Amino acid sequence: MKRFSCVSLFSGCGGLDLGLRHAGFKTAVCVEMSADCCKSLEANAIAPHVIQREIANVTGDEMLAAAGICQGELDLLAGGPPCPPYSKSRFYRKEKPRALGDPTSDTLFQYLRMLDELRPKMFLLENVPGLAYKVHSDAIDAVLNQASALGYRVQYKVLNAANFGVPQIRERLFVVGVQPGLNFSFPRPTHAEPASQLSLVEATYPWVTAGEVLADQDTEDNAGDEGHYAGGQFNGLLAQIPPGDNYLFFTEKRGHPTPLFKWRSRYWSFLLKLSPDKPAWTIQARRSNNMGPFHWRNRILRISEIKRLQTFPDEYMIAGNVESAWRQIGNAVPPKLAQVLGTQIAKSLSDEARQSKETAHAGLALSRREGRTERRIDVGTGKATPVRG
């Protein structure tokens, strides 16, 4: 299988790159500032060159030299600039700046700078859905306008990982740009919520559930919560919440006889518990004892479990302590979703390569025909005489 070249920015622990690898890409260079993330990238041989540095201090020429290519030869630039300025949580943190008002939003423009300096055939930018919200229109418009000014045709879409076989309801925004002559279309969902009409019309399979992927780990030996104590002072309440529910179970609106919380008075993941019959809720980037999702056995999930829910292989190595490992996995693009997108991108590049090859073959055949001299055979002597004119 042909391997397409890729350069990865804000690589994290390698979820996006791992999925792209399965789709036919070979990441030549990763740029990541976290030491633990870089150790994870190296431990799993994600790329031969891992640059541990802030992206602002890395140049396109340095990346091209490490990859051994020239500007314009790279097949794909991929990455997800840090997302706090556009996250849903910022709607609840009024004291913090949002969108382009947050200094960390400069990472978005660093990605665009690298796009300008590398000029890949295609690019893939991943972020939280909030980047596409109307309130953040200046940010998404900056991406679209600057990429268009560089000659890329750009489209974006919010995808739910659960609709592509990931056992997790996780929505993310993906922006894809292509150079002239290339075409791209987002993948169609392959999975759907069993009760939805989509499952009857477009998708082939029902959503994959948390219970399916964690079944072999859901043992009595793993049932204990030592080192995984959840709920803090609300641990007793957590045990009363049905699987798939959260603190709203204890509200008057939900009909609880002795309500303990007001309706929507807490963040939605407060005391949130998984259901084995549904995909997981979004795995957050922070391990918490009161913010879920928690296991249906009323404990904090284990690292091995969130790897499954994010579709990392069991053998995938994550460096650092538990909190660092959780953050790396929670921030990652699910490899399975990355593979689905990568397959579509590889198809676009393969179509372009095939068309170029066919054009080259057609040109060669034409030049041979034009350069061929027609000869007439004398049936009497058997000699060939060039025909002129």
Protein backbone atom coordinates (compact mmCIF):
# COMPACT_ATOMS: atom_id res chain seq x y z
CA MET A 1 0.00 0.00 0.00
CA LYS A 2 1.31 3.43 -0.93
CA ARG A 3 2.25 5.50 2.09
CA PHE A 4 1.35 9.17 1.91
CA SER A 5 3.53 11.69 3.72
CA CYS A 6 2.24 13.55 6.76
CA VAL A 7 3.48 16.19 9.18
CA SER A 8 1.72 16.45 12.54
CA LEU A 9 1.31 19.57 14.69
CA PHE A 10 0.09 19.61 18.31
CA SER A 11 0.47 15.85 18.14
CA GLY A 12 -0.43 15.01 21.73
CA CYS A 13 0.05 11.31 22.44
CA GLY A 14 -0.60 10.39 18.79
CA GLY A 15 -4.27 9.47 18.43
CA LEU A 16 -4.72 11.35 15.16
CA ASP A 17 -1.44 10.04 13.75
CA LEU A 18 -2.18 6.46 14.75
CA GLY A 19 -5.48 6.55 12.89
CA LEU A 20 -3.85 8.16 9.86
CA ARG A 21 -1.19 5.43 9.91
CA HIS A 22 -3.90 2.79 9.62
CA ALA A 23 -5.33 4.75 6.68
CA GLY A 24 -2.05 4.70 4.74
CA PHE A 25 -0.11 7.73 6.00
CA LYS A 26 3.42 7.87 7.33
CA THR A 27 4.03 10.71 9.76
CA ALA A 28 7.51 12.08 9.16
CA VAL A 29 7.59 14.76 11.88
CA CYS A 30 5.59 15.48 15.03
CA VAL A 31 5.66 18.79 16.89
CA GLU A 32 4.52 18.71 20.53
CA MET A 33 5.57 20.75 23.55
CA SER A 34 4.56 18.28 26.32
CA ALA A 35 7.44 16.09 27.50
CA ASP A 36 5.14 13.19 28.44
CA CYS A 37 3.34 13.37 25.08
CA CYS A 38 6.68 13.28 23.26
CA LYS A 39 7.68 10.22 25.27
CA SER A 40 4.40 8.56 24.28
CA LEU A 41 5.00 9.40 20.61
CA GLU A 42 8.51 7.96 20.75
CA ALA A 43 7.47 4.86 22.71
CA ASN A 44 4.94 4.00 20.00
CA ALA A 45 7.24 4.94 17.09
CA ILE A 46 4.67 7.40 15.71
CA ALA A 47 7.27 9.38 13.75
CA PRO A 48 11.05 9.25 13.20
CA HIS A 49 11.33 12.92 14.20
CA VAL A 50 9.62 14.30 17.31
CA ILE A 51 10.26 17.98 17.99
CA GLN A 52 9.55 18.95 21.60
CA ARG A 53 9.03 22.68 21.33
CA GLU A 54 6.34 25.32 21.15
CA ILE A 55 5.08 25.60 17.60
CA ALA A 56 5.94 29.32 17.52
CA ASN A 57 9.61 28.33 17.74
CA VAL A 58 9.51 25.85 14.85
CA THR A 59 9.93 26.87 11.21
CA GLY A 60 8.55 25.31 8.08
CA ASP A 61 12.06 24.94 6.67
CA GLU A 62 13.05 22.93 9.75
CA MET A 63 10.06 20.65 9.26
CA LEU A 64 10.77 20.15 5.56
CA ALA A 65 14.41 19.36 6.25
CA ALA A 66 13.47 16.79 8.89
CA ALA A 67 10.96 15.19 6.51
CA GLY A 68 13.43 15.26 3.61
CA ILE A 69 11.03 16.99 1.23
CA CYS A 70 10.58 20.35 -0.48
CA GLN A 71 7.77 22.85 -0.11
CA GLY A 72 4.66 21.60 -1.91
CA GLU A 73 5.65 17.91 -1.81
CA LEU A 74 3.95 17.08 1.50
CA ASP A 75 0.71 15.14 1.13
CA LEU A 76 -0.97 16.09 4.41
CA LEU A 77 -0.59 18.55 7.27
CA ALA A 78 -2.61 17.41 10.30
CA GLY A 79 -3.17 18.68 13.80
CA GLY A 80 -5.51 20.04 16.44
CA PRO A 81 -4.50 23.36 17.99
CA PRO A 82 -5.31 23.53 21.74
CA CYS A 83 -9.01 24.21 22.19
CA PRO A 84 -9.69 25.90 25.59
CA PRO A 85 -10.72 29.26 24.06
CA TYR A 86 -13.54 27.56 22.12
CA SER A 87 -14.60 24.89 24.60
CA LYS A 88 -18.08 24.58 26.03
CA SER A 89 -16.69 25.07 29.52
CA ARG A 90 -15.78 28.67 28.71
CA PHE A 91 -19.49 29.48 28.57
CA TYR A 92 -19.51 28.75 32.31
CA ARG A 93 -16.22 30.53 33.08
CA LYS A 94 -17.10 34.16 32.47
CA GLU A 95 -13.89 35.33 34.15
CA LYS A 96 -11.75 33.75 31.43
CA PRO A 97 -11.28 35.19 27.91
CA ARG A 98 -12.84 33.35 24.99
CA ALA A 99 -12.08 32.73 21.31
CA LEU A 100 -9.54 35.12 19.79
CA GLY A 101 -9.52 37.12 23.02
CA ASP A 102 -7.57 34.29 24.66
CA PRO A 103 -3.79 34.47 24.07
CA THR A 104 -3.66 30.70 23.57
CA SER A 105 -5.78 31.09 20.43
CA ASP A 106 -2.53 32.09 18.71
CA THR A 107 -1.99 28.36 18.18
CA LEU A 108 -4.68 28.54 15.49
CA PHE A 109 -2.62 31.10 13.58
CA GLN A 110 0.56 29.14 14.12
CA TYR A 111 -1.14 26.23 12.35
CA LEU A 112 -2.04 28.58 9.47
CA ARG A 113 1.54 29.88 9.37
CA MET A 114 2.82 26.35 9.01
CA LEU A 115 0.24 25.71 6.30
CA ASP A 116 1.67 28.66 4.39
CA GLU A 117 5.28 27.54 4.85
CA LEU A 118 4.71 23.86 3.97
CA ARG A 119 1.99 24.15 1.29
CA PRO A 120 0.80 20.51 1.59
CA LYS A 121 -1.58 19.01 -0.95
CA MET A 122 -4.22 18.68 1.78
CA PHE A 123 -4.65 19.72 5.39
CA LEU A 124 -6.74 18.44 8.30
CA LEU A 125 -7.47 20.64 11.32
CA GLU A 126 -9.31 19.23 14.34
CA ASN A 127 -10.96 21.16 17.14
CA VAL A 128 -13.93 21.32 19.49
CA PRO A 129 -17.33 22.05 17.94
CA GLY A 130 -17.32 25.44 19.67
CA LEU A 131 -14.90 26.74 17.07
CA ALA A 132 -17.81 26.71 14.61
CA TYR A 133 -20.27 28.46 16.93
CA LYS A 134 -21.61 31.78 15.69
CA VAL A 135 -20.13 33.52 18.72
CA HIS A 136 -16.70 32.37 17.49
CA SER A 137 -17.27 33.29 13.85
CA ASP A 138 -14.17 35.47 13.75
CA ALA A 139 -12.03 32.40 14.53
CA ILE A 140 -13.51 29.98 12.00
CA ASP A 141 -13.64 32.78 9.39
CA ALA A 142 -9.92 33.40 9.94
CA VAL A 143 -9.20 29.74 9.16
CA LEU A 144 -11.42 29.68 6.08
CA ASN A 145 -10.23 33.02 4.71
CA GLN A 146 -6.51 32.47 5.23
CA ALA A 147 -6.60 28.94 3.83
CA SER A 148 -8.62 30.15 0.83
CA ALA A 149 -6.10 32.93 0.24
CA LEU A 150 -3.41 30.24 0.02
CA GLY A 151 -5.37 28.54 -2.76
CA TYR A 152 -7.13 25.80 -0.77
CA ARG A 153 -10.76 24.81 -1.17
CA VAL A 154 -11.99 24.39 2.39
CA GLN A 155 -14.93 22.67 4.03
CA TYR A 156 -15.72 21.78 7.63
CA LYS A 157 -18.10 19.55 9.52
CA VAL A 158 -18.84 18.46 13.08
CA LEU A 159 -18.65 14.67 13.38
CA ASN A 160 -19.87 12.48 16.22
CA ALA A 161 -17.34 9.70 16.86
CA ALA A 162 -20.14 7.33 17.88
CA ASN A 163 -21.48 7.49 14.31
CA PHE A 164 -18.25 5.89 13.08
CA GLY A 165 -17.88 2.95 15.44
CA VAL A 166 -16.24 4.68 18.42
CA PRO A 167 -17.91 3.68 21.72
CA GLN A 168 -18.14 7.30 22.79
CA ILE A 169 -20.49 10.21 22.06
CA ARG A 170 -17.80 12.72 21.18
CA GLU A 171 -18.38 15.59 18.76
CA ARG A 172 -15.44 17.30 17.11
CA LEU A 173 -15.02 19.82 14.31
CA PHE A 174 -12.87 18.84 11.34
CA VAL A 175 -11.67 21.32 8.72
CA VAL A 176 -10.26 19.88 5.48
CA GLY A 177 -8.57 21.87 2.73
CA VAL A 178 -7.45 20.66 -0.69
CA GLN A 179 -5.36 22.18 -3.44
CA PRO A 180 -6.89 22.68 -6.91
CA GLY A 181 -7.37 19.40 -8.76
CA LEU A 182 -8.19 17.44 -5.60
CA ASN A 183 -11.63 16.52 -4.32
CA PHE A 184 -12.75 15.51 -0.85
CA SER A 185 -16.04 14.54 0.75
CA PHE A 186 -16.63 13.79 4.41
CA PRO A 187 -17.38 10.15 5.25
CA ARG A 188 -20.96 9.01 5.70
CA PRO A 189 -21.93 7.62 9.11
CA THR A 190 -21.62 3.86 9.47
CA HIS A 191 -23.24 3.60 12.92
CA ALA A 192 -26.28 5.18 14.51
CA GLU A 193 -28.34 5.27 17.66
CA PRO A 194 -30.66 2.25 17.35
CA ALA A 195 -33.78 4.33 17.93
CA SER A 196 -32.92 6.93 15.28
CA GLN A 197 -34.16 7.00 11.71
CA LEU A 198 -30.56 7.30 10.55
CA SER A 199 -29.93 3.68 11.49
CA LEU A 200 -32.74 2.60 9.16
CA VAL A 201 -31.72 4.75 6.22
CA GLU A 202 -28.00 5.58 6.11
CA ALA A 203 -26.02 3.70 8.73
CA THR A 204 -25.32 -0.02 8.75
CA TYR A 205 -24.63 -0.74 12.41
CA PRO A 206 -25.95 0.38 15.80
CA TRP A 207 -23.74 2.44 18.06
CA VAL A 208 -20.99 0.49 19.82
CA THR A 209 -21.63 0.54 23.57
CA ALA A 210 -19.32 0.97 26.53
CA GLY A 211 -20.46 -2.39 27.82
CA GLU A 212 -19.32 -4.11 24.63
CA VAL A 213 -15.76 -2.82 24.72
CA LEU A 214 -15.29 -3.06 28.49
CA ALA A 215 -16.97 -6.44 29.00
CA ASP A 216 -13.77 -8.42 29.58
CA GLN A 217 -12.52 -5.80 32.06
CA ASP A 218 -15.79 -5.62 34.00
CA THR A 219 -14.83 -8.24 36.54
CA GLU A 220 -15.19 -8.53 40.29
CA ASP A 221 -11.42 -8.07 40.59
CA ASN A 222 -11.81 -4.66 38.94
CA ALA A 223 -14.97 -3.73 40.83
CA GLY A 224 -13.22 -2.13 43.80
CA ASP A 225 -12.72 1.63 43.90
CA GLU A 226 -9.41 1.73 45.77
CA GLY A 227 -7.40 4.41 44.01
CA HIS A 228 -10.50 5.18 41.93
CA TYR A 229 -12.84 6.59 44.57
CA ALA A 230 -15.52 8.69 42.88
CA GLY A 231 -17.90 11.39 44.03
CA GLY A 232 -15.96 12.68 46.99
CA GLN A 233 -18.54 13.74 49.61
CA PHE A 234 -21.26 12.68 47.12
CA ASN A 235 -20.03 9.09 46.77
CA GLY A 236 -23.19 7.76 48.43
CA LEU A 237 -25.36 9.69 45.99
CA LEU A 238 -23.41 8.38 43.01
CA ALA A 239 -24.34 4.84 43.97
CA GLN A 240 -28.03 5.77 43.81
CA ILE A 241 -27.86 7.30 40.33
CA PRO A 242 -28.99 4.89 37.60
CA PRO A 243 -26.45 4.04 34.87
CA GLY A 244 -26.52 6.66 32.12
CA ASP A 245 -27.77 9.44 34.40
CA ASN A 246 -26.23 12.32 36.37
CA TYR A 247 -26.98 14.66 39.29
CA LEU A 248 -30.28 15.68 37.65
CA PHE A 249 -31.66 12.42 39.01
CA PHE A 250 -31.86 14.24 42.38
CA THR A 251 -33.90 17.24 41.14
CA GLU A 252 -37.53 18.18 41.65
CA LYS A 253 -38.07 18.40 37.90
CA ARG A 254 -37.16 14.74 37.57
CA GLY A 255 -39.65 13.89 40.31
CA HIS A 256 -37.23 12.98 43.10
CA PRO A 257 -39.09 12.88 46.44
CA THR A 258 -36.25 14.65 48.29
CA PRO A 259 -34.50 16.82 45.68
CA LEU A 260 -30.92 17.76 46.51
CA PHE A 261 -29.97 19.89 43.51
CA LYS A 262 -31.63 22.59 41.44
CA TRP A 263 -32.25 21.96 37.75
CA ARG A 264 -29.12 22.64 35.70
CA SER A 265 -27.30 24.10 38.69
CA ARG A 266 -24.16 22.04 38.03
CA TYR A 267 -22.00 21.24 35.04
CA TRP A 268 -23.61 18.43 32.99
CA SER A 269 -20.91 15.84 33.83
CA PHE A 270 -21.34 16.20 37.60
CA LEU A 271 -21.88 12.67 38.96
CA LEU A 272 -22.38 11.43 35.40
CA LYS A 273 -22.39 7.66 35.16
CA LEU A 274 -21.88 5.42 32.14
CA SER A 275 -24.49 2.99 30.94
CA PRO A 276 -23.21 -0.36 29.66
CA ASP A 277 -25.99 -0.22 27.05
CA LYS A 278 -24.88 3.05 25.46
CA PRO A 279 -21.67 4.63 24.20
CA ALA A 280 -19.67 6.55 26.79
CA TRP A 281 -20.13 10.25 27.22
CA THR A 282 -17.15 12.33 26.12
CA ILE A 283 -13.97 11.42 27.99
CA GLN A 284 -12.73 14.68 29.45
CA ALA A 285 -9.07 15.72 29.56
CA ARG A 286 -9.06 15.93 33.35
CA ARG A 287 -9.39 13.06 35.81
CA SER A 288 -11.86 14.11 38.48
CA ASN A 289 -13.56 12.53 41.47
CA ASN A 290 -16.88 14.30 40.86
CA MET A 291 -16.96 15.00 37.13
CA GLY A 292 -17.67 11.91 35.03
CA PRO A 293 -18.29 9.88 33.18
CA PHE A 294 -17.79 7.29 35.90
CA HIS A 295 -18.02 3.52 35.63
CA TRP A 296 -21.44 2.00 36.29
CA ARG A 297 -19.77 0.33 39.28
CA ASN A 298 -19.55 3.80 40.88
CA ARG A 299 -15.83 4.43 40.51
CA ILE A 300 -13.42 6.47 38.41
CA LEU A 301 -12.51 4.73 35.17
CA ARG A 302 -9.11 3.11 34.82
CA ILE A 303 -6.56 4.17 32.19
CA SER A 304 -7.01 0.83 30.43
CA GLU A 305 -10.74 1.56 30.18
CA ILE A 306 -10.54 5.06 28.75
CA LYS A 307 -8.04 3.76 26.20
CA ARG A 308 -10.72 1.31 25.05
CA LEU A 309 -13.37 4.03 24.96
CA GLN A 310 -11.04 6.19 22.86
CA THR A 311 -10.18 3.17 20.61
CA PHE A 312 -6.48 3.06 21.48
CA PRO A 313 -4.99 -0.44 21.33
CA ASP A 314 -4.45 -2.03 24.75
CA GLU A 315 -0.72 -2.21 24.04
CA TYR A 316 -0.43 1.49 23.20
CA MET A 317 2.02 3.03 25.67
CA ILE A 318 1.19 6.26 27.49
CA ALA A 319 4.02 7.98 29.41
CA GLY A 320 3.70 9.80 32.72
CA ASN A 321 1.62 9.40 35.86
CA VAL A 322 -2.10 8.65 35.96
CA GLU A 323 -3.17 12.30 35.69
CA SER A 324 -0.85 12.91 32.74
CA ALA A 325 -1.91 9.71 30.98
CA TRP A 326 -5.58 10.60 31.45
CA ARG A 327 -5.02 14.10 30.04
CA GLN A 328 -3.19 12.73 27.00
CA ILE A 329 -5.88 10.17 26.21
CA GLY A 330 -8.74 12.58 26.91
CA ASN A 331 -7.28 15.19 24.58
CA ALA A 332 -6.67 12.74 21.74
CA VAL A 333 -8.64 12.21 18.56
CA PRO A 334 -10.04 8.66 18.71
CA PRO A 335 -7.76 6.68 16.36
CA LYS A 336 -10.75 4.88 14.82
CA LEU A 337 -12.36 8.18 13.81
CA ALA A 338 -9.00 9.46 12.54
CA GLN A 339 -8.67 6.34 10.41
CA VAL A 340 -12.09 6.92 8.82
CA LEU A 341 -11.16 10.50 7.92
CA GLY A 342 -7.70 9.44 6.81
CA THR A 343 -9.17 6.86 4.46
CA GLN A 344 -11.22 9.56 2.75
CA ILE A 345 -8.18 11.82 2.48
CA ALA A 346 -6.05 8.99 1.11
CA LYS A 347 -8.73 8.29 -1.49
CA SER A 348 -8.53 11.90 -2.63
CA LEU A 349 -4.76 11.71 -2.94
CA SER A 350 -4.94 8.33 -4.70
CA ASP A 351 -7.46 9.68 -7.22
CA GLU A 352 -5.16 12.63 -7.91
CA ALA A 353 -2.12 10.37 -8.32
CA ARG A 354 -4.04 8.03 -10.62
CA GLN A 355 -5.26 10.91 -12.78
CA SER A 356 -1.72 12.31 -13.01
CA LYS A 357 -0.40 8.87 -14.01
CA GLU A 358 -3.10 8.43 -16.65
CA THR A 359 -2.37 11.89 -18.03
CA ALA A 360 1.34 11.12 -18.16
CA HIS A 361 0.72 7.80 -19.93
CA ALA A 362 -1.58 9.48 -22.43
CA GLY A 363 1.06 12.11 -23.16
CA LEU A 364 3.76 9.49 -23.61
CA ALA A 365 1.57 7.48 -26.00
CA LEU A 366 0.82 10.62 -28.00
CA SER A 367 4.48 11.57 -28.27
CA ARG A 368 5.33 8.05 -29.45
CA ARG A 369 2.63 8.18 -32.11
CA GLU A 370 3.79 11.59 -33.28
CA GLY A 371 7.38 10.41 -33.47
CA ARG A 372 6.61 7.16 -35.34
CA THR A 373 7.43 7.03 -39.08
CA GLU A 374 4.92 5.20 -41.25
CA ARG A 375 6.52 2.59 -43.61
CA ARG A 376 5.11 0.91 -46.76
CA ILE A 377 6.10 -2.74 -47.45
CA ASP A 378 6.83 -3.73 -51.08
CA VAL A 379 5.21 -7.13 -51.50
CA GLY A 380 7.62 -8.03 -54.26
CA THR A 381 10.92 -7.26 -52.57
CA GLY A 382 9.77 -7.24 -48.92
CA LYS A 383 11.58 -3.92 -48.37
CA ALA A 384 10.10 -1.21 -46.22
CA THR A 385 10.02 2.33 -47.62
CA PRO A 386 9.31 5.37 -45.38
CA VAL A 387 6.18 7.25 -46.40
CA ARG A 388 6.82 10.97 -46.49
CA GLY A 389 4.40 13.82 -46.50
